[in-house]
Amino acid sequence: MQGLRIVAILLIVIGILALAYQGITYTKSEKVLEVGPITATKETKKTIPLPPILGGAALVCGVVLLIAARR
């Protein structure tokens, strides 16, 4: 039962974070030009969108598991 509570709490936290941030943003660095010892790089920000339904589903599943763990 203790393991089920931990999973439920993790799902609730993940669901709240997914609803709050709605995506994961990261920076990707690419070499554009390399001439001898001189290099030019380009940094681009990429975002992986998280649909709100995913965060809501994780939140609801976490609550249901938490209620089931109490019984």
C-alpha atoms as a PDB file:
ATOM      1  CA  MET A   1       0.000   0.000   0.000  1.00  0.00           C
ATOM      2  CA  GLN A   2       2.882   2.382   0.674  1.00  0.00           C
ATOM      3  CA  GLY A   3       4.174   1.958  -2.879  1.00  0.00           C
ATOM      4  CA  LEU A   4       0.728   2.697  -4.298  1.00  0.00           C
ATOM      5  CA  ARG A   5       0.558   5.957  -2.333  1.00  0.00           C
ATOM      6  CA  ILE A   6       3.951   7.033  -3.632  1.00  0.00           C
ATOM      7  CA  VAL A   7       2.898   6.339  -7.239  1.00  0.00           C
ATOM      8  CA  ALA A   8      -0.356   8.239  -6.664  1.00  0.00           C
ATOM      9  CA  ILE A   9       1.436  11.270  -5.252  1.00  0.00           C
ATOM     10  CA  LEU A  10       3.937  11.234  -8.147  1.00  0.00           C
ATOM     11  CA  LEU A  11       1.071  11.129 -10.662  1.00  0.00           C
ATOM     12  CA  ILE A  12      -0.621  14.060  -8.939  1.00  0.00           C
ATOM     13  CA  VAL A  13       2.581  16.127  -8.974  1.00  0.00           C
ATOM     14  CA  ILE A  14       3.279  15.267 -12.630  1.00  0.00           C
ATOM     15  CA  GLY A  15      -0.301  16.150 -13.556  1.00  0.00           C
ATOM     16  CA  ILE A  16      -0.112  19.539 -11.830  1.00  0.00           C
ATOM     17  CA  LEU A  17       3.249  20.325 -13.449  1.00  0.00           C
ATOM     18  CA  ALA A  18       1.978  19.294 -16.885  1.00  0.00           C
ATOM     19  CA  LEU A  19      -1.044  21.560 -16.511  1.00  0.00           C
ATOM     20  CA  ALA A  20       1.063  24.453 -15.252  1.00  0.00           C
ATOM     21  CA  TYR A  21       3.898  24.394 -17.797  1.00  0.00           C
ATOM     22  CA  GLN A  22       2.110  22.879 -20.843  1.00  0.00           C
ATOM     23  CA  GLY A  23       5.389  21.799 -22.401  1.00  0.00           C
ATOM     24  CA  ILE A  24       9.066  21.021 -21.990  1.00  0.00           C
ATOM     25  CA  THR A  25      11.510  23.593 -23.383  1.00  0.00           C
ATOM     26  CA  TYR A  26      15.146  22.842 -24.125  1.00  0.00           C
ATOM     27  CA  THR A  27      18.010  24.547 -25.972  1.00  0.00           C
ATOM     28  CA  LYS A  28      19.822  22.856 -28.842  1.00  0.00           C
ATOM     29  CA  SER A  29      23.273  24.055 -29.945  1.00  0.00           C
ATOM     30  CA  GLU A  30      24.410  23.437 -33.541  1.00  0.00           C
ATOM     31  CA  LYS A  31      27.690  24.156 -35.333  1.00  0.00           C
ATOM     32  CA  VAL A  32      26.983  26.436 -38.265  1.00  0.00           C
ATOM     33  CA  LEU A  33      30.499  27.200 -39.489  1.00  0.00           C
ATOM     34  CA  GLU A  34      33.923  25.827 -38.656  1.00  0.00           C
ATOM     35  CA  VAL A  35      36.990  27.456 -40.188  1.00  0.00           C
ATOM     36  CA  GLY A  36      40.235  26.386 -38.542  1.00  0.00           C
ATOM     37  CA  PRO A  37      40.131  27.221 -34.838  1.00  0.00           C
ATOM     38  CA  ILE A  38      37.084  29.487 -35.270  1.00  0.00           C
ATOM     39  CA  THR A  39      33.630  27.988 -34.895  1.00  0.00           C
ATOM     40  CA  ALA A  40      30.219  29.602 -35.127  1.00  0.00           C
ATOM     41  CA  THR A  41      27.331  28.024 -33.288  1.00  0.00           C
ATOM     42  CA  LYS A  42      23.616  28.602 -33.321  1.00  0.00           C
ATOM     43  CA  GLU A  43      21.353  28.020 -30.343  1.00  0.00           C
ATOM     44  CA  THR A  44      17.685  27.283 -30.925  1.00  0.00           C
ATOM     45  CA  LYS A  45      14.964  26.770 -28.359  1.00  0.00           C
ATOM     46  CA  LYS A  46      12.731  23.787 -28.945  1.00  0.00           C
ATOM     47  CA  THR A  47       9.484  23.001 -27.142  1.00  0.00           C
ATOM     48  CA  ILE A  48       7.810  19.631 -26.728  1.00  0.00           C
ATOM     49  CA  PRO A  49       4.133  20.445 -26.165  1.00  0.00           C
ATOM     50  CA  LEU A  50       2.178  18.550 -23.518  1.00  0.00           C
ATOM     51  CA  PRO A  51      -1.556  18.463 -24.121  1.00  0.00           C
ATOM     52  CA  PRO A  52      -3.680  19.520 -21.133  1.00  0.00           C
ATOM     53  CA  ILE A  53      -5.650  16.270 -21.369  1.00  0.00           C
ATOM     54  CA  LEU A  54      -2.446  14.393 -20.484  1.00  0.00           C
ATOM     55  CA  GLY A  55      -1.928  16.440 -17.328  1.00  0.00           C
ATOM     56  CA  GLY A  56      -5.594  16.125 -16.383  1.00  0.00           C
ATOM     57  CA  ALA A  57      -5.534  12.359 -16.895  1.00  0.00           C
ATOM     58  CA  ALA A  58      -2.426  11.984 -14.730  1.00  0.00           C
ATOM     59  CA  LEU A  59      -4.028  14.128 -12.023  1.00  0.00           C
ATOM     60  CA  VAL A  60      -7.290  12.148 -12.034  1.00  0.00           C
ATOM     61  CA  CYS A  61      -5.463   8.798 -12.031  1.00  0.00           C
ATOM     62  CA  GLY A  62      -3.326   9.935  -9.106  1.00  0.00           C
ATOM     63  CA  VAL A  63      -6.374  10.975  -7.084  1.00  0.00           C
ATOM     64  CA  VAL A  64      -8.136   7.688  -7.838  1.00  0.00           C
ATOM     65  CA  LEU A  65      -5.065   5.691  -6.811  1.00  0.00           C
ATOM     66  CA  LEU A  66      -4.723   7.724  -3.624  1.00  0.00           C
ATOM     67  CA  ILE A  67      -8.345   7.029  -2.709  1.00  0.00           C
ATOM     68  CA  ALA A  68      -7.900   3.323  -3.547  1.00  0.00           C
ATOM     69  CA  ALA A  69      -4.772   3.141  -1.381  1.00  0.00           C
ATOM     70  CA  ARG A  70      -6.681   4.367   1.676  1.00  0.00           C
ATOM     71  CA  ARG A  71      -9.135   1.498   1.510  1.00  0.00           C
END
